[in-house]
Protein backbone atom coordinates (compact mmCIF):
# COMPACT_ATOMS: atom_id res chain seq x y z
CA UNK A 1 -8.18 -0.11 -27.47
CA UNK A 2 -11.25 -1.59 -29.16
CA UNK A 3 -12.86 -4.77 -27.88
CA UNK A 4 -16.09 -4.82 -29.87
CA UNK A 5 -18.28 -3.86 -26.96
CA UNK A 6 -21.27 -1.50 -27.37
CA UNK A 7 -20.35 2.05 -28.43
CA UNK A 8 -21.26 3.60 -25.06
CA UNK A 9 -19.26 0.95 -23.19
CA UNK A 10 -16.37 1.54 -25.57
CA UNK A 11 -16.36 5.23 -24.65
CA UNK A 12 -16.49 4.45 -20.94
CA UNK A 13 -13.70 1.93 -21.44
CA UNK A 14 -11.53 4.51 -23.20
CA UNK A 15 -12.13 7.05 -20.41
CA UNK A 16 -11.25 4.50 -17.71
CA UNK A 17 -8.06 3.43 -19.51
CA UNK A 18 -7.03 7.09 -19.91
CA UNK A 19 -7.77 7.79 -16.25
CA UNK A 20 -5.79 4.76 -15.16
CA UNK A 21 -2.80 5.84 -17.24
CA UNK A 22 -2.98 9.39 -15.90
CA UNK A 23 -3.24 8.20 -12.29
CA UNK A 24 -0.29 5.82 -12.69
CA UNK A 25 1.81 8.70 -14.03
CA UNK A 26 0.58 10.96 -11.22
CA UNK A 27 1.39 8.31 -8.61
CA UNK A 28 5.00 8.25 -9.80
CA UNK A 29 5.51 12.00 -10.25
CA UNK A 30 3.03 13.99 -8.17
CA UNK A 31 3.61 12.91 -4.51
CA UNK A 32 7.12 14.41 -4.27
CA UNK A 33 5.93 17.63 -5.91
CA UNK A 34 2.93 17.87 -3.60
CA UNK A 35 4.98 17.06 -0.49
CA UNK A 36 7.60 19.63 -1.46
CA UNK A 37 4.91 22.28 -1.78
CA UNK A 38 5.51 23.28 1.84
CA UNK A 39 9.10 24.19 1.06
CA UNK A 40 10.78 21.03 2.38
CA UNK A 41 12.75 20.86 -0.86
CA UNK A 42 13.92 17.23 -1.06
CA UNK A 43 15.05 16.45 -4.61
CA UNK A 44 15.21 12.66 -4.37
CA UNK A 45 15.51 9.75 -1.95
CA UNK A 46 19.24 10.24 -1.42
CA UNK A 47 18.60 13.87 -0.44
CA UNK A 48 15.87 12.74 1.95
CA UNK A 49 18.14 10.05 3.40
CA UNK A 50 20.92 12.55 4.12
CA UNK A 51 18.51 15.01 5.73
CA UNK A 52 16.88 12.35 7.88
CA UNK A 53 20.18 10.87 9.03
CA UNK A 54 21.54 14.28 9.98
CA UNK A 55 18.37 15.31 11.80
CA UNK A 56 18.05 11.96 13.55
CA UNK A 57 21.65 12.11 14.81
CA UNK A 58 20.83 15.46 16.43
CA UNK A 59 17.64 14.03 17.93
CA UNK A 60 19.45 11.00 19.33
CA UNK A 61 21.87 13.25 21.20
CA UNK A 62 19.15 15.46 22.73
CA UNK A 63 17.94 12.73 25.07
CA UNK A 64 14.36 14.07 24.91
CA UNK A 65 11.11 12.77 23.39
CA UNK A 66 10.33 15.95 21.45
CA UNK A 67 11.43 15.98 17.82
CA UNK A 68 13.73 18.89 16.90
CA UNK A 69 12.58 21.22 14.13
CA UNK A 70 14.80 19.71 11.43
CA UNK A 71 13.56 16.18 12.12
CA UNK A 72 9.94 17.34 12.36
CA UNK A 73 10.32 18.90 8.89
CA UNK A 74 11.48 15.59 7.41
CA UNK A 75 8.71 13.64 9.16
CA UNK A 76 6.06 16.13 7.99
CA UNK A 77 7.33 15.82 4.42
CA UNK A 78 7.15 12.02 4.61
CA UNK A 79 3.60 12.22 5.95
CA UNK A 80 2.48 14.42 3.04
CA UNK A 81 4.32 12.20 0.56
CA UNK A 82 2.56 9.04 1.76
CA UNK A 83 -0.79 10.80 2.06
CA UNK A 84 -0.58 11.91 -1.57
CA UNK A 85 0.39 8.41 -2.66
CA UNK A 86 -2.44 6.86 -0.64
CA UNK A 87 -5.06 9.17 -2.20
CA UNK A 88 -3.77 8.58 -5.74
CA UNK A 89 -3.57 4.82 -5.19
CA UNK A 90 -7.14 4.79 -3.85
CA UNK A 91 -8.36 6.68 -6.91
CA UNK A 92 -6.45 4.28 -9.17
CA UNK A 93 -7.96 1.32 -7.31
CA UNK A 94 -11.49 2.64 -7.91
CA UNK A 95 -10.80 3.17 -11.63
CA UNK A 96 -9.22 -0.26 -12.07
CA UNK A 97 -12.08 -2.01 -10.28
CA UNK A 98 -14.57 -0.25 -12.56
CA UNK A 99 -12.44 -1.17 -15.59
CA UNK A 100 -12.21 -4.82 -14.54
CA UNK A 101 -15.98 -5.03 -13.97
CA UNK A 102 -16.68 -3.50 -17.38
CA UNK A 103 -14.28 -5.88 -19.14
CA UNK A 104 -15.61 -8.99 -17.44
CA UNK A 105 -19.19 -7.96 -18.15
CA UNK A 106 -18.21 -7.58 -21.79
CA UNK A 107 -16.59 -11.02 -21.67
CA UNK A 108 -19.74 -12.60 -20.24
CA UNK A 109 -21.89 -10.80 -22.82
CA UNK A 110 -19.65 -11.95 -25.67
CA UNK A 111 -21.51 -15.26 -25.88
CA UNK A 112 -20.51 -17.20 -28.97
CA UNK A 113 -18.35 -14.39 -30.36
CA UNK A 114 -14.97 -15.11 -31.90
CA UNK A 115 -12.34 -16.79 -29.74
CA UNK A 116 -9.91 -13.91 -30.27
CA UNK A 117 -12.37 -11.39 -28.89
CA UNK A 118 -13.18 -13.51 -25.84
CA UNK A 119 -9.50 -14.12 -25.09
CA UNK A 120 -8.72 -10.40 -25.44
CA UNK A 121 -11.53 -9.48 -23.06
CA UNK A 122 -10.53 -12.16 -20.54
CA UNK A 123 -6.84 -11.22 -20.59
CA UNK A 124 -7.65 -7.50 -20.34
CA UNK A 125 -10.08 -8.11 -17.48
CA UNK A 126 -7.54 -10.28 -15.68
CA UNK A 127 -4.81 -7.65 -16.12
CA UNK A 128 -7.11 -4.95 -14.74
CA UNK A 129 -7.93 -7.15 -11.75
CA UNK A 130 -4.24 -7.82 -11.03
CA UNK A 131 -3.45 -4.11 -11.29
CA UNK A 132 -6.36 -3.39 -8.93
CA UNK A 133 -4.85 -5.82 -6.43
CA UNK A 134 -1.47 -4.06 -6.73
CA UNK A 135 -3.23 -0.74 -6.15
CA UNK A 136 -4.87 -2.13 -3.01
CA UNK A 137 -1.43 -3.09 -1.65
CA UNK A 138 -0.18 0.43 -2.44
CA UNK A 139 -3.15 1.97 -0.62
CA UNK A 140 -2.49 -0.11 2.49
CA UNK A 141 1.26 0.54 2.51
CA UNK A 142 0.92 4.28 2.00
CA UNK A 143 -1.87 4.73 4.55
CA UNK A 144 0.41 2.93 7.01
CA UNK A 145 3.25 5.28 6.06
CA UNK A 146 1.02 8.34 6.50
CA UNK A 147 -0.17 7.14 9.92
CA UNK A 148 3.39 6.51 11.16
CA UNK A 149 5.80 8.54 9.00
CA UNK A 150 8.56 8.56 11.61
CA UNK A 151 8.64 4.77 11.90
CA UNK A 152 8.55 4.32 8.12
CA UNK A 153 11.64 6.55 7.84
CA UNK A 154 13.73 4.39 10.20
CA UNK A 155 14.97 2.00 7.46
CA UNK A 156 16.83 4.99 5.96
CA UNK A 157 19.21 4.78 8.93
CA UNK A 158 20.21 1.22 8.08
CA UNK A 159 21.08 -0.67 4.89
CA UNK A 160 24.50 -1.17 3.34
CA UNK A 161 25.88 1.98 5.00
CA UNK A 162 24.36 2.23 8.50
CA UNK A 163 25.08 5.41 10.45
CA UNK A 164 27.06 5.48 13.68
CA UNK A 165 23.87 6.43 15.48
CA UNK A 166 22.11 3.40 13.96
CA UNK A 167 24.81 1.18 15.43
CA UNK A 168 24.28 2.84 18.80
CA UNK A 169 20.52 2.30 18.56
CA UNK A 170 21.10 -1.37 17.79
CA UNK A 171 23.36 -1.73 20.84
CA UNK A 172 20.82 -0.02 23.12
CA UNK A 173 18.09 -2.34 21.86
CA UNK A 174 20.33 -5.36 22.40
CA UNK A 175 21.36 -4.49 25.96
CA UNK A 176 17.97 -3.12 27.02
CA UNK A 177 19.17 0.40 27.84
CA UNK A 178 16.27 2.80 27.25
CA UNK A 179 16.41 6.52 26.48
CA UNK A 180 13.57 8.95 25.67
CA UNK A 181 14.36 8.97 21.90
CA UNK A 182 14.51 5.17 21.90
CA UNK A 183 11.17 5.01 23.72
CA UNK A 184 9.65 7.19 20.99
CA UNK A 185 11.10 4.89 18.33
CA UNK A 186 9.67 1.80 20.04
CA UNK A 187 6.25 3.44 20.46
CA UNK A 188 6.17 4.55 16.82
CA UNK A 189 7.31 1.13 15.63
CA UNK A 190 4.47 -0.47 17.59
CA UNK A 191 1.99 2.01 16.11
CA UNK A 192 3.37 1.20 12.65
CA UNK A 193 2.33 -2.42 13.12
CA UNK A 194 -0.97 -1.52 14.77
CA UNK A 195 -1.85 0.56 11.70
CA UNK A 196 -1.24 -2.34 9.34
CA UNK A 197 -3.06 -4.78 11.63
CA UNK A 198 -6.17 -2.58 11.56
CA UNK A 199 -5.92 -1.97 7.81
CA UNK A 200 -5.47 -5.67 7.09
CA UNK A 201 -8.39 -6.62 9.36
CA UNK A 202 -10.73 -4.10 7.70
CA UNK A 203 -9.62 -5.29 4.27
CA UNK A 204 -10.17 -8.93 5.27
CA UNK A 205 -13.72 -8.20 6.43
CA UNK A 206 -14.43 -6.31 3.18
CA UNK A 207 -13.06 -9.18 1.09
CA UNK A 208 -15.21 -11.69 2.98
CA UNK A 209 -18.23 -9.55 2.09
CA UNK A 210 -17.15 -9.45 -1.56
CA UNK A 211 -16.63 -13.22 -1.49
CA UNK A 212 -20.12 -13.83 -0.08
CA UNK A 213 -21.69 -11.53 -2.66
CA UNK A 214 -19.89 -13.19 -5.57
CA UNK A 215 -20.68 -16.72 -4.45
CA UNK A 216 -24.33 -15.83 -3.89
CA UNK A 217 -24.46 -14.34 -7.37
CA UNK A 218 -22.78 -17.46 -8.77
CA UNK A 219 -25.32 -19.76 -7.12
CA UNK A 220 -28.27 -17.78 -8.48
CA UNK A 221 -26.85 -17.25 -11.95
CA UNK A 222 -28.50 -19.24 -14.75
CA UNK A 223 -25.52 -18.84 -17.09
CA UNK A 224 -22.75 -21.45 -16.76
CA UNK A 225 -19.97 -19.07 -17.84
CA UNK A 226 -21.16 -16.39 -15.43
CA UNK A 227 -21.21 -18.91 -12.59
CA UNK A 228 -17.65 -19.94 -13.41
CA UNK A 229 -16.30 -16.37 -13.52
CA UNK A 230 -18.12 -15.36 -10.33
CA UNK A 231 -16.91 -18.49 -8.54
CA UNK A 232 -13.30 -17.83 -9.56
CA UNK A 233 -13.38 -14.27 -8.29
CA UNK A 234 -15.21 -15.38 -5.15
CA UNK A 235 -12.48 -17.91 -4.46
CA UNK A 236 -9.74 -15.34 -5.10
CA UNK A 237 -11.46 -12.96 -2.67
CA UNK A 238 -11.54 -15.68 -0.01
CA UNK A 239 -7.82 -16.42 -0.48
CA UNK A 240 -6.96 -12.72 -0.28
CA UNK A 241 -9.08 -12.38 2.86
CA UNK A 242 -7.13 -15.25 4.44
CA UNK A 243 -3.83 -13.56 3.51
CA UNK A 244 -5.05 -10.32 5.10
CA UNK A 245 -5.95 -12.22 8.29
CA UNK A 246 -2.40 -13.61 8.42
CA UNK A 247 -1.01 -10.10 7.90
CA UNK A 248 -3.26 -8.73 10.66
CA UNK A 249 -2.20 -11.44 13.11
CA UNK A 250 1.51 -11.02 12.32
CA UNK A 251 1.35 -7.25 12.77
CA UNK A 252 -0.65 -7.59 15.98
CA UNK A 253 2.07 -9.88 17.34
CA UNK A 254 4.78 -7.37 16.38
CA UNK A 255 2.82 -4.49 17.87
CA UNK A 256 2.43 -6.28 21.20
CA UNK A 257 6.22 -6.79 21.42
CA UNK A 258 7.90 -4.26 19.10
CA UNK A 259 11.46 -4.39 20.48
CA UNK A 260 12.59 -7.62 18.71
CA UNK A 261 11.32 -6.36 15.37
CA UNK A 262 12.96 -2.98 15.81
CA UNK A 263 16.20 -4.67 16.87
CA UNK A 264 16.02 -6.86 13.76
CA UNK A 265 15.62 -3.74 11.62
CA UNK A 266 18.78 -2.19 13.04
CA UNK A 267 20.57 -5.53 12.78
CA UNK A 268 19.73 -5.60 9.06
CA UNK A 269 17.15 -8.37 9.32
CA UNK A 270 13.91 -6.51 8.52
């Protein structure tokens, strides 16, 4: 990938592209391998689904809050799986942000260079920025999954082929009958939403800071093209911050009253 930037920048660009490619491949392949390192031994999602459904059925019948060993093994695996994904996604996010900054700096420095070069730099920088945004979403989702692995496994009980136990859970939620396992599920489901509310709020505050920095830089920039690029990214940051605020509010509402959301999940509406 050659974009006619200075030789040193070209080398840095090549390293960042290679790192991004390696991290994307690692994100797809490595988490299951790393999570299975403890001997959990789940081959794929269908294997995990079967194990979780079997272990959960046993837990549901115990009538206690404590997770049995088989279920704890599945939950521990899911924690490690999401933790690995969160770390890899965070590393990918850092690389993509650096790549996007480098490409947009090259675009701004292109000046009166050929139209083809400027378009290539702009498109590449935009693609890197979009991929960075996708990585941010992956970081948030996987940190949430690592914080509340039990709750993030619950959708495996439902779907096109819900288990008998899932039907029973749905009935208990509908008629208000509480049991210790159901209390644990409700508590974990609330914590699931609390985690995302906190993550979204922190992200929103960070994006507001980025927005302020970019707009300040745009105001003080003497170059018209630089002002335009900085203003665009400042506006995008503000919009994303607003979206994160909405996400934080929605998850706070669900966390304060988790039963309807959990009932909707087991009714197939989540």
